Amino acid sequence: MDNFKEELLTVKAFAFDVDGVLSGPEVFLHPTGELMRSMNTKDGYALQHAVKRGYPITIITGGNTESVAERFTGLGIADIYLGSSNKIEHFEHFMEKYDVKASEVLYMGDDLPDYEVMKRAGVPCCPADAVEEIKSVAHYISPFSGGRGCVRDVIEQVLRLHGRWLDGGSFSW
């Protein structure tokens, strides 16, 4: 087993950026002025599946679109930080709330606003199309781009290693 797989065994919680991770790099402008994003349904399935298996998940994004909050609330995610100008502060709040250590959190980001959290998280990951600075601190670079299955990739790997992908219900550490 390689070192990354060993790191995945320690994961108790997940944290994700939105733009460039859970959605592609494109943002579409609706005539009303709202930003519209495209999101991968397989990423969504993996998120709600992990929630049902008892994993705390947070979304930490600089974006501030209500439809983003609605999407992730609908998947069972309770901890959504919109308009985050200080992602490390929200990351720390999430860890405190769930009593998890940074070493136990997988964080996936793709651009400079994620850099400090990536350095703090125990298992920093990024999509294939992340910027070079983020790739340089990532322990794992998914072969999938943002909005194209990178979230499913890391969640499925963790849950499979924990024996929680196909069987078993929720659990607590």
N, C-alpha and C. Protein backbone atom coordinates (compact mmCIF):
# COMPACT_ATOMS: atom_id res chain seq x y z
N MET A 1 0.86 -1.19 0.00
CA MET A 1 0.00 0.00 0.00
C MET A 1 0.90 1.24 0.00
N ASP A 2 0.59 2.18 -0.88
CA ASP A 2 1.42 3.38 -0.93
C ASP A 2 1.09 4.34 0.21
N ASN A 3 1.92 5.33 0.39
CA ASN A 3 1.78 6.27 1.49
C ASN A 3 0.43 6.99 1.47
N PHE A 4 -0.06 7.37 0.27
CA PHE A 4 -1.33 8.07 0.18
C PHE A 4 -2.48 7.20 0.69
N LYS A 5 -2.48 5.93 0.35
CA LYS A 5 -3.54 5.03 0.83
C LYS A 5 -3.49 4.92 2.35
N GLU A 6 -2.30 4.93 2.92
CA GLU A 6 -2.17 4.91 4.38
C GLU A 6 -2.75 6.19 4.98
N GLU A 7 -2.51 7.33 4.33
CA GLU A 7 -3.10 8.59 4.80
C GLU A 7 -4.62 8.53 4.76
N LEU A 8 -5.17 7.92 3.72
CA LEU A 8 -6.62 7.85 3.59
C LEU A 8 -7.26 7.06 4.73
N LEU A 9 -6.52 6.11 5.29
CA LEU A 9 -7.04 5.34 6.42
C LEU A 9 -7.30 6.22 7.64
N THR A 10 -6.63 7.38 7.72
CA THR A 10 -6.79 8.26 8.88
C THR A 10 -7.93 9.26 8.71
N VAL A 11 -8.53 9.34 7.52
CA VAL A 11 -9.55 10.36 7.24
C VAL A 11 -10.83 10.09 8.01
N LYS A 12 -11.27 11.10 8.75
CA LYS A 12 -12.54 11.04 9.49
C LYS A 12 -13.53 12.08 9.01
N ALA A 13 -13.05 13.05 8.20
CA ALA A 13 -13.92 14.14 7.74
C ALA A 13 -13.40 14.68 6.42
N PHE A 14 -14.29 15.35 5.70
CA PHE A 14 -13.94 15.91 4.39
C PHE A 14 -14.28 17.40 4.35
N ALA A 15 -13.47 18.15 3.60
CA ALA A 15 -13.74 19.57 3.35
C ALA A 15 -13.44 19.86 1.88
N PHE A 16 -14.32 20.63 1.26
CA PHE A 16 -14.18 20.90 -0.17
C PHE A 16 -14.44 22.37 -0.50
N ASP A 17 -13.68 22.85 -1.47
CA ASP A 17 -13.96 24.11 -2.13
C ASP A 17 -15.05 23.82 -3.17
N VAL A 18 -15.64 24.88 -3.75
CA VAL A 18 -16.67 24.67 -4.77
C VAL A 18 -16.13 24.94 -6.17
N ASP A 19 -15.88 26.20 -6.48
CA ASP A 19 -15.47 26.56 -7.84
C ASP A 19 -14.13 25.94 -8.19
N GLY A 20 -14.12 25.13 -9.23
CA GLY A 20 -12.89 24.46 -9.66
C GLY A 20 -12.69 23.10 -9.01
N VAL A 21 -13.54 22.75 -8.04
CA VAL A 21 -13.47 21.44 -7.39
C VAL A 21 -14.79 20.71 -7.60
N LEU A 22 -15.85 21.23 -6.97
CA LEU A 22 -17.17 20.64 -7.13
C LEU A 22 -17.87 21.12 -8.40
N SER A 23 -17.38 22.19 -8.96
CA SER A 23 -17.86 22.65 -10.27
C SER A 23 -16.64 22.86 -11.15
N GLY A 24 -16.89 22.93 -12.44
CA GLY A 24 -15.80 23.18 -13.36
C GLY A 24 -15.32 24.61 -13.25
N PRO A 25 -14.33 24.98 -14.03
CA PRO A 25 -13.77 26.33 -13.94
C PRO A 25 -14.67 27.40 -14.55
N GLU A 26 -15.70 26.98 -15.27
CA GLU A 26 -16.59 27.95 -15.90
C GLU A 26 -17.66 28.43 -14.93
N VAL A 27 -18.01 29.70 -15.03
CA VAL A 27 -19.14 30.25 -14.30
C VAL A 27 -20.00 30.95 -15.34
N PHE A 28 -21.26 30.57 -15.40
CA PHE A 28 -22.18 31.15 -16.37
C PHE A 28 -22.98 32.24 -15.69
N LEU A 29 -23.23 33.30 -16.42
CA LEU A 29 -23.99 34.42 -15.88
C LEU A 29 -25.44 34.33 -16.35
N HIS A 30 -26.35 34.19 -15.40
CA HIS A 30 -27.77 34.17 -15.70
C HIS A 30 -28.21 35.61 -15.94
N PRO A 31 -29.23 35.84 -16.78
CA PRO A 31 -29.69 37.22 -17.02
C PRO A 31 -30.05 37.99 -15.76
N THR A 32 -30.37 37.28 -14.67
CA THR A 32 -30.68 37.96 -13.41
C THR A 32 -29.42 38.41 -12.68
N GLY A 33 -28.27 37.98 -13.17
CA GLY A 33 -27.01 38.32 -12.53
C GLY A 33 -26.46 37.23 -11.64
N GLU A 34 -27.26 36.19 -11.37
CA GLU A 34 -26.79 35.09 -10.54
C GLU A 34 -25.76 34.26 -11.30
N LEU A 35 -24.74 33.81 -10.60
CA LEU A 35 -23.73 32.94 -11.18
C LEU A 35 -24.27 31.52 -11.20
N MET A 36 -24.11 30.86 -12.33
CA MET A 36 -24.58 29.48 -12.46
C MET A 36 -23.39 28.57 -12.67
N ARG A 37 -23.44 27.40 -12.03
CA ARG A 37 -22.38 26.43 -12.11
C ARG A 37 -22.94 25.08 -12.55
N SER A 38 -22.10 24.29 -13.14
CA SER A 38 -22.45 22.92 -13.49
C SER A 38 -21.76 22.01 -12.49
N MET A 39 -22.51 21.04 -11.95
CA MET A 39 -21.93 20.13 -10.96
C MET A 39 -22.15 18.70 -11.39
N ASN A 40 -21.22 17.84 -11.01
CA ASN A 40 -21.21 16.44 -11.39
C ASN A 40 -22.13 15.63 -10.47
N THR A 41 -23.05 14.87 -11.06
CA THR A 41 -23.98 14.09 -10.24
C THR A 41 -23.27 12.96 -9.48
N LYS A 42 -22.19 12.43 -10.03
CA LYS A 42 -21.45 11.37 -9.32
C LYS A 42 -20.73 11.95 -8.09
N ASP A 43 -20.25 13.18 -8.19
CA ASP A 43 -19.70 13.86 -7.01
C ASP A 43 -20.79 14.01 -5.96
N GLY A 44 -21.97 14.43 -6.41
CA GLY A 44 -23.10 14.61 -5.49
C GLY A 44 -23.49 13.32 -4.81
N TYR A 45 -23.53 12.23 -5.57
CA TYR A 45 -23.86 10.94 -4.97
C TYR A 45 -22.85 10.58 -3.89
N ALA A 46 -21.57 10.74 -4.20
CA ALA A 46 -20.53 10.37 -3.23
C ALA A 46 -20.64 11.22 -1.96
N LEU A 47 -20.94 12.50 -2.12
CA LEU A 47 -21.08 13.37 -0.94
C LEU A 47 -22.21 12.89 -0.04
N GLN A 48 -23.39 12.67 -0.61
CA GLN A 48 -24.52 12.25 0.23
C GLN A 48 -24.29 10.86 0.81
N HIS A 49 -23.60 10.00 0.07
CA HIS A 49 -23.29 8.66 0.54
C HIS A 49 -22.36 8.73 1.77
N ALA A 50 -21.35 9.61 1.70
CA ALA A 50 -20.43 9.77 2.83
C ALA A 50 -21.16 10.34 4.05
N VAL A 51 -22.07 11.29 3.82
CA VAL A 51 -22.87 11.84 4.92
C VAL A 51 -23.67 10.72 5.58
N LYS A 52 -24.32 9.89 4.78
CA LYS A 52 -25.11 8.78 5.33
C LYS A 52 -24.25 7.77 6.07
N ARG A 53 -22.98 7.70 5.73
CA ARG A 53 -22.06 6.77 6.40
C ARG A 53 -21.45 7.40 7.66
N GLY A 54 -21.83 8.64 7.96
CA GLY A 54 -21.41 9.26 9.21
C GLY A 54 -20.21 10.18 9.14
N TYR A 55 -19.74 10.49 7.96
CA TYR A 55 -18.59 11.38 7.82
C TYR A 55 -19.03 12.85 7.84
N PRO A 56 -18.44 13.67 8.70
CA PRO A 56 -18.71 15.10 8.63
C PRO A 56 -18.10 15.67 7.35
N ILE A 57 -18.84 16.53 6.69
CA ILE A 57 -18.37 17.17 5.45
C ILE A 57 -18.68 18.65 5.55
N THR A 58 -17.73 19.45 5.10
CA THR A 58 -17.97 20.88 5.01
C THR A 58 -17.64 21.38 3.62
N ILE A 59 -18.34 22.43 3.24
CA ILE A 59 -18.09 23.16 2.01
C ILE A 59 -17.59 24.54 2.43
N ILE A 60 -16.43 24.92 1.93
CA ILE A 60 -15.85 26.24 2.25
C ILE A 60 -15.55 26.93 0.93
N THR A 61 -16.32 27.98 0.63
CA THR A 61 -16.19 28.64 -0.67
C THR A 61 -16.21 30.15 -0.55
N GLY A 62 -15.46 30.78 -1.41
CA GLY A 62 -15.48 32.23 -1.49
C GLY A 62 -16.74 32.74 -2.18
N GLY A 63 -17.39 31.86 -2.93
CA GLY A 63 -18.63 32.23 -3.61
C GLY A 63 -19.76 32.43 -2.62
N ASN A 64 -20.76 33.17 -3.03
CA ASN A 64 -21.86 33.47 -2.12
C ASN A 64 -23.19 33.36 -2.86
N THR A 65 -23.43 32.20 -3.45
CA THR A 65 -24.64 31.98 -4.22
C THR A 65 -25.56 31.04 -3.46
N GLU A 66 -26.79 31.47 -3.23
CA GLU A 66 -27.74 30.67 -2.46
C GLU A 66 -28.00 29.30 -3.09
N SER A 67 -27.96 29.22 -4.41
CA SER A 67 -28.21 27.92 -5.07
C SER A 67 -27.13 26.90 -4.70
N VAL A 68 -25.91 27.37 -4.44
CA VAL A 68 -24.84 26.47 -3.98
C VAL A 68 -25.20 25.90 -2.62
N ALA A 69 -25.65 26.74 -1.71
CA ALA A 69 -26.05 26.28 -0.39
C ALA A 69 -27.21 25.29 -0.49
N GLU A 70 -28.17 25.58 -1.34
CA GLU A 70 -29.32 24.69 -1.51
C GLU A 70 -28.89 23.33 -2.05
N ARG A 71 -27.98 23.33 -3.00
CA ARG A 71 -27.50 22.06 -3.58
C ARG A 71 -26.90 21.17 -2.50
N PHE A 72 -26.01 21.72 -1.69
CA PHE A 72 -25.30 20.90 -0.72
C PHE A 72 -26.15 20.60 0.52
N THR A 73 -27.02 21.48 0.88
CA THR A 73 -27.98 21.18 1.96
C THR A 73 -28.85 20.00 1.54
N GLY A 74 -29.25 20.00 0.27
CA GLY A 74 -30.07 18.91 -0.26
C GLY A 74 -29.36 17.57 -0.25
N LEU A 75 -28.04 17.59 -0.22
CA LEU A 75 -27.25 16.35 -0.15
C LEU A 75 -26.97 15.94 1.30
N GLY A 76 -27.48 16.72 2.25
CA GLY A 76 -27.31 16.38 3.66
C GLY A 76 -26.14 17.04 4.34
N ILE A 77 -25.48 17.98 3.67
CA ILE A 77 -24.33 18.66 4.25
C ILE A 77 -24.81 19.85 5.08
N ALA A 78 -24.46 19.85 6.35
CA ALA A 78 -24.94 20.90 7.26
C ALA A 78 -23.97 22.07 7.38
N ASP A 79 -22.71 21.84 7.12
CA ASP A 79 -21.69 22.86 7.36
C ASP A 79 -21.23 23.46 6.04
N ILE A 80 -21.85 24.58 5.68
CA ILE A 80 -21.58 25.25 4.42
C ILE A 80 -21.18 26.69 4.72
N TYR A 81 -19.97 27.02 4.35
CA TYR A 81 -19.46 28.38 4.58
C TYR A 81 -19.38 29.10 3.24
N LEU A 82 -20.33 30.01 3.01
CA LEU A 82 -20.36 30.80 1.79
C LEU A 82 -19.63 32.11 2.02
N GLY A 83 -19.11 32.70 0.97
CA GLY A 83 -18.46 34.01 1.07
C GLY A 83 -17.25 34.00 1.98
N SER A 84 -16.56 32.87 2.04
CA SER A 84 -15.44 32.74 2.97
C SER A 84 -14.21 33.47 2.45
N SER A 85 -13.85 34.53 3.15
CA SER A 85 -12.62 35.25 2.79
C SER A 85 -11.45 34.77 3.64
N ASN A 86 -11.75 33.92 4.64
CA ASN A 86 -10.73 33.36 5.51
C ASN A 86 -11.03 31.87 5.70
N LYS A 87 -10.64 31.08 4.71
CA LYS A 87 -10.98 29.66 4.72
C LYS A 87 -10.38 28.91 5.89
N ILE A 88 -9.22 29.31 6.33
CA ILE A 88 -8.58 28.60 7.45
C ILE A 88 -9.41 28.76 8.72
N GLU A 89 -10.01 29.92 8.91
CA GLU A 89 -10.88 30.16 10.08
C GLU A 89 -12.08 29.22 10.05
N HIS A 90 -12.70 29.07 8.90
CA HIS A 90 -13.85 28.18 8.79
C HIS A 90 -13.43 26.71 8.91
N PHE A 91 -12.28 26.39 8.40
CA PHE A 91 -11.73 25.04 8.54
C PHE A 91 -11.53 24.70 10.02
N GLU A 92 -10.95 25.62 10.77
CA GLU A 92 -10.72 25.41 12.20
C GLU A 92 -12.05 25.26 12.95
N HIS A 93 -13.04 26.07 12.59
CA HIS A 93 -14.36 25.98 13.23
C HIS A 93 -14.98 24.61 12.98
N PHE A 94 -14.89 24.13 11.76
CA PHE A 94 -15.41 22.81 11.40
C PHE A 94 -14.73 21.71 12.23
N MET A 95 -13.41 21.76 12.33
CA MET A 95 -12.69 20.74 13.09
C MET A 95 -13.08 20.77 14.56
N GLU A 96 -13.21 21.96 15.11
CA GLU A 96 -13.61 22.08 16.51
C GLU A 96 -15.01 21.52 16.72
N LYS A 97 -15.93 21.86 15.84
CA LYS A 97 -17.32 21.39 15.96
C LYS A 97 -17.40 19.87 15.99
N TYR A 98 -16.60 19.19 15.17
CA TYR A 98 -16.67 17.74 15.07
C TYR A 98 -15.56 17.03 15.83
N ASP A 99 -14.75 17.79 16.55
CA ASP A 99 -13.67 17.23 17.35
C ASP A 99 -12.77 16.31 16.52
N VAL A 100 -12.35 16.83 15.36
CA VAL A 100 -11.40 16.11 14.53
C VAL A 100 -10.13 16.93 14.42
N LYS A 101 -9.03 16.23 14.25
CA LYS A 101 -7.74 16.89 14.09
C LYS A 101 -7.51 17.20 12.61
N ALA A 102 -6.67 18.17 12.33
CA ALA A 102 -6.34 18.51 10.94
C ALA A 102 -5.80 17.28 10.22
N SER A 103 -5.06 16.45 10.92
CA SER A 103 -4.47 15.25 10.31
C SER A 103 -5.53 14.25 9.86
N GLU A 104 -6.77 14.41 10.34
CA GLU A 104 -7.86 13.49 10.03
C GLU A 104 -8.81 14.02 8.96
N VAL A 105 -8.46 15.18 8.38
CA VAL A 105 -9.34 15.82 7.40
C VAL A 105 -8.72 15.80 6.01
N LEU A 106 -9.50 15.33 5.05
CA LEU A 106 -9.13 15.42 3.64
C LEU A 106 -9.73 16.73 3.12
N TYR A 107 -8.89 17.60 2.60
CA TYR A 107 -9.34 18.86 2.00
C TYR A 107 -8.98 18.86 0.53
N MET A 108 -9.93 19.24 -0.31
CA MET A 108 -9.66 19.36 -1.73
C MET A 108 -9.91 20.80 -2.18
N GLY A 109 -8.85 21.41 -2.72
CA GLY A 109 -8.93 22.76 -3.27
C GLY A 109 -8.20 22.81 -4.59
N ASP A 110 -8.33 23.95 -5.28
CA ASP A 110 -7.74 24.03 -6.61
C ASP A 110 -6.99 25.31 -6.90
N ASP A 111 -7.13 26.34 -6.04
CA ASP A 111 -6.51 27.62 -6.38
C ASP A 111 -5.97 28.30 -5.13
N LEU A 112 -5.33 29.42 -5.31
CA LEU A 112 -4.61 30.09 -4.22
C LEU A 112 -5.41 30.32 -2.94
N PRO A 113 -6.71 30.64 -2.98
CA PRO A 113 -7.43 30.80 -1.71
C PRO A 113 -7.45 29.53 -0.85
N ASP A 114 -7.13 28.40 -1.43
CA ASP A 114 -7.12 27.13 -0.70
C ASP A 114 -5.74 26.78 -0.11
N TYR A 115 -4.75 27.54 -0.47
CA TYR A 115 -3.36 27.19 -0.15
C TYR A 115 -3.12 26.98 1.35
N GLU A 116 -3.54 27.92 2.20
CA GLU A 116 -3.29 27.79 3.64
C GLU A 116 -4.00 26.59 4.25
N VAL A 117 -5.23 26.34 3.81
CA VAL A 117 -5.96 25.17 4.32
C VAL A 117 -5.28 23.89 3.84
N MET A 118 -4.84 23.89 2.60
CA MET A 118 -4.15 22.71 2.07
C MET A 118 -2.90 22.40 2.89
N LYS A 119 -2.18 23.43 3.30
CA LYS A 119 -0.98 23.20 4.12
C LYS A 119 -1.34 22.70 5.51
N ARG A 120 -2.53 23.04 6.01
CA ARG A 120 -2.95 22.65 7.36
C ARG A 120 -3.59 21.25 7.40
N ALA A 121 -4.33 20.91 6.36
CA ALA A 121 -5.06 19.64 6.34
C ALA A 121 -4.11 18.46 6.30
N GLY A 122 -4.52 17.36 6.90
CA GLY A 122 -3.70 16.17 6.93
C GLY A 122 -3.59 15.49 5.59
N VAL A 123 -4.67 15.56 4.79
CA VAL A 123 -4.68 14.90 3.49
C VAL A 123 -5.14 15.92 2.44
N PRO A 124 -4.23 16.77 1.99
CA PRO A 124 -4.58 17.76 0.97
C PRO A 124 -4.60 17.14 -0.41
N CYS A 125 -5.68 17.38 -1.15
CA CYS A 125 -5.86 16.82 -2.48
C CYS A 125 -6.30 17.92 -3.43
N CYS A 126 -6.15 17.66 -4.72
CA CYS A 126 -6.61 18.64 -5.70
C CYS A 126 -7.03 17.94 -6.98
N PRO A 127 -7.84 18.63 -7.79
CA PRO A 127 -8.20 18.08 -9.10
C PRO A 127 -7.03 18.20 -10.07
N ALA A 128 -7.13 17.48 -11.18
CA ALA A 128 -6.06 17.46 -12.18
C ALA A 128 -5.74 18.84 -12.74
N ASP A 129 -6.73 19.72 -12.77
CA ASP A 129 -6.53 21.04 -13.38
C ASP A 129 -6.29 22.15 -12.35
N ALA A 130 -5.85 21.79 -11.15
CA ALA A 130 -5.51 22.79 -10.13
C ALA A 130 -4.29 23.59 -10.57
N VAL A 131 -4.12 24.76 -9.95
CA VAL A 131 -2.94 25.58 -10.26
C VAL A 131 -1.69 24.93 -9.66
N GLU A 132 -0.54 25.27 -10.19
CA GLU A 132 0.72 24.63 -9.79
C GLU A 132 1.02 24.78 -8.30
N GLU A 133 0.72 25.93 -7.71
CA GLU A 133 1.00 26.13 -6.28
C GLU A 133 0.23 25.14 -5.43
N ILE A 134 -1.00 24.84 -5.82
CA ILE A 134 -1.82 23.88 -5.08
C ILE A 134 -1.32 22.46 -5.33
N LYS A 135 -0.98 22.14 -6.56
CA LYS A 135 -0.42 20.82 -6.86
C LYS A 135 0.84 20.57 -6.06
N SER A 136 1.61 21.63 -5.80
CA SER A 136 2.88 21.45 -5.09
C SER A 136 2.69 21.06 -3.63
N VAL A 137 1.53 21.36 -3.04
CA VAL A 137 1.29 20.99 -1.63
C VAL A 137 0.32 19.82 -1.49
N ALA A 138 -0.26 19.38 -2.60
CA ALA A 138 -1.21 18.26 -2.56
C ALA A 138 -0.46 16.94 -2.36
N HIS A 139 -1.04 16.07 -1.55
CA HIS A 139 -0.51 14.72 -1.38
C HIS A 139 -1.06 13.80 -2.46
N TYR A 140 -2.16 14.26 -3.09
CA TYR A 140 -2.78 13.47 -4.15
C TYR A 140 -3.39 14.43 -5.17
N ILE A 141 -3.13 14.17 -6.43
CA ILE A 141 -3.73 14.92 -7.53
C ILE A 141 -4.64 13.94 -8.27
N SER A 142 -5.94 14.18 -8.19
CA SER A 142 -6.89 13.31 -8.85
C SER A 142 -6.67 13.34 -10.36
N PRO A 143 -6.90 12.24 -11.04
CA PRO A 143 -6.82 12.27 -12.50
C PRO A 143 -8.00 13.00 -13.14
N PHE A 144 -9.00 13.35 -12.31
CA PHE A 144 -10.20 14.03 -12.78
C PHE A 144 -10.11 15.53 -12.52
N SER A 145 -10.63 16.31 -13.43
CA SER A 145 -10.65 17.76 -13.27
C SER A 145 -11.78 18.19 -12.34
N GLY A 146 -11.75 19.45 -11.94
CA GLY A 146 -12.81 20.02 -11.13
C GLY A 146 -14.16 19.93 -11.82
N GLY A 147 -15.18 19.47 -11.08
CA GLY A 147 -16.51 19.31 -11.64
C GLY A 147 -16.66 18.10 -12.54
N ARG A 148 -15.63 17.28 -12.60
CA ARG A 148 -15.64 16.13 -13.50
C ARG A 148 -15.37 14.81 -12.76
N GLY A 149 -15.63 14.77 -11.47
CA GLY A 149 -15.50 13.52 -10.72
C GLY A 149 -14.36 13.44 -9.73
N CYS A 150 -13.63 14.52 -9.52
CA CYS A 150 -12.50 14.47 -8.58
C CYS A 150 -12.97 14.25 -7.14
N VAL A 151 -14.14 14.78 -6.79
CA VAL A 151 -14.66 14.60 -5.43
C VAL A 151 -15.08 13.15 -5.23
N ARG A 152 -15.77 12.59 -6.20
CA ARG A 152 -16.15 11.17 -6.14
C ARG A 152 -14.91 10.31 -5.98
N ASP A 153 -13.87 10.64 -6.73
CA ASP A 153 -12.61 9.91 -6.69
C ASP A 153 -12.08 9.78 -5.26
N VAL A 154 -11.94 10.89 -4.55
CA VAL A 154 -11.33 10.82 -3.22
C VAL A 154 -12.27 10.24 -2.17
N ILE A 155 -13.55 10.58 -2.26
CA ILE A 155 -14.50 10.02 -1.28
C ILE A 155 -14.60 8.50 -1.45
N GLU A 156 -14.71 8.05 -2.68
CA GLU A 156 -14.82 6.61 -2.92
C GLU A 156 -13.56 5.88 -2.43
N GLN A 157 -12.40 6.45 -2.67
CA GLN A 157 -11.17 5.80 -2.19
C GLN A 157 -11.18 5.64 -0.67
N VAL A 158 -11.57 6.70 0.04
CA VAL A 158 -11.61 6.65 1.50
C VAL A 158 -12.62 5.63 1.97
N LEU A 159 -13.84 5.71 1.48
CA LEU A 159 -14.88 4.80 1.94
C LEU A 159 -14.57 3.34 1.60
N ARG A 160 -13.96 3.10 0.45
CA ARG A 160 -13.58 1.72 0.11
C ARG A 160 -12.52 1.19 1.08
N LEU A 161 -11.52 2.02 1.38
CA LEU A 161 -10.48 1.59 2.33
C LEU A 161 -11.04 1.34 3.72
N HIS A 162 -12.07 2.11 4.09
CA HIS A 162 -12.69 1.95 5.40
C HIS A 162 -13.75 0.85 5.40
N GLY A 163 -14.01 0.24 4.26
CA GLY A 163 -15.04 -0.79 4.18
C GLY A 163 -16.43 -0.22 4.29
N ARG A 164 -16.62 1.06 3.89
CA ARG A 164 -17.90 1.74 4.05
C ARG A 164 -18.56 2.11 2.72
N TRP A 165 -17.99 1.66 1.59
CA TRP A 165 -18.53 2.08 0.30
C TRP A 165 -19.81 1.32 -0.06
N LEU A 166 -19.75 -0.01 -0.02
CA LEU A 166 -20.90 -0.80 -0.45
C LEU A 166 -21.75 -1.34 0.69
N ASP A 167 -21.19 -1.45 1.85
CA ASP A 167 -21.95 -2.02 2.95
C ASP A 167 -21.77 -1.20 4.22
N GLY A 168 -22.57 -1.48 5.16
CA GLY A 168 -22.47 -0.80 6.45
C GLY A 168 -23.23 0.50 6.47
N GLY A 169 -23.71 0.86 7.61
CA GLY A 169 -24.46 2.09 7.79
C GLY A 169 -23.59 3.17 8.38
N SER A 170 -24.24 4.09 9.05
CA SER A 170 -23.50 5.19 9.66
C SER A 170 -22.72 4.67 10.87
N PHE A 171 -21.76 5.44 11.27
CA PHE A 171 -20.94 5.03 12.40
C PHE A 171 -20.37 6.28 13.07
N SER A 172 -19.82 6.08 14.22
CA SER A 172 -19.11 7.18 14.89
C SER A 172 -17.74 6.69 15.27
N TRP A 173 -16.81 7.58 15.34
CA TRP A 173 -15.44 7.22 15.67
C TRP A 173 -15.39 7.07 17.15
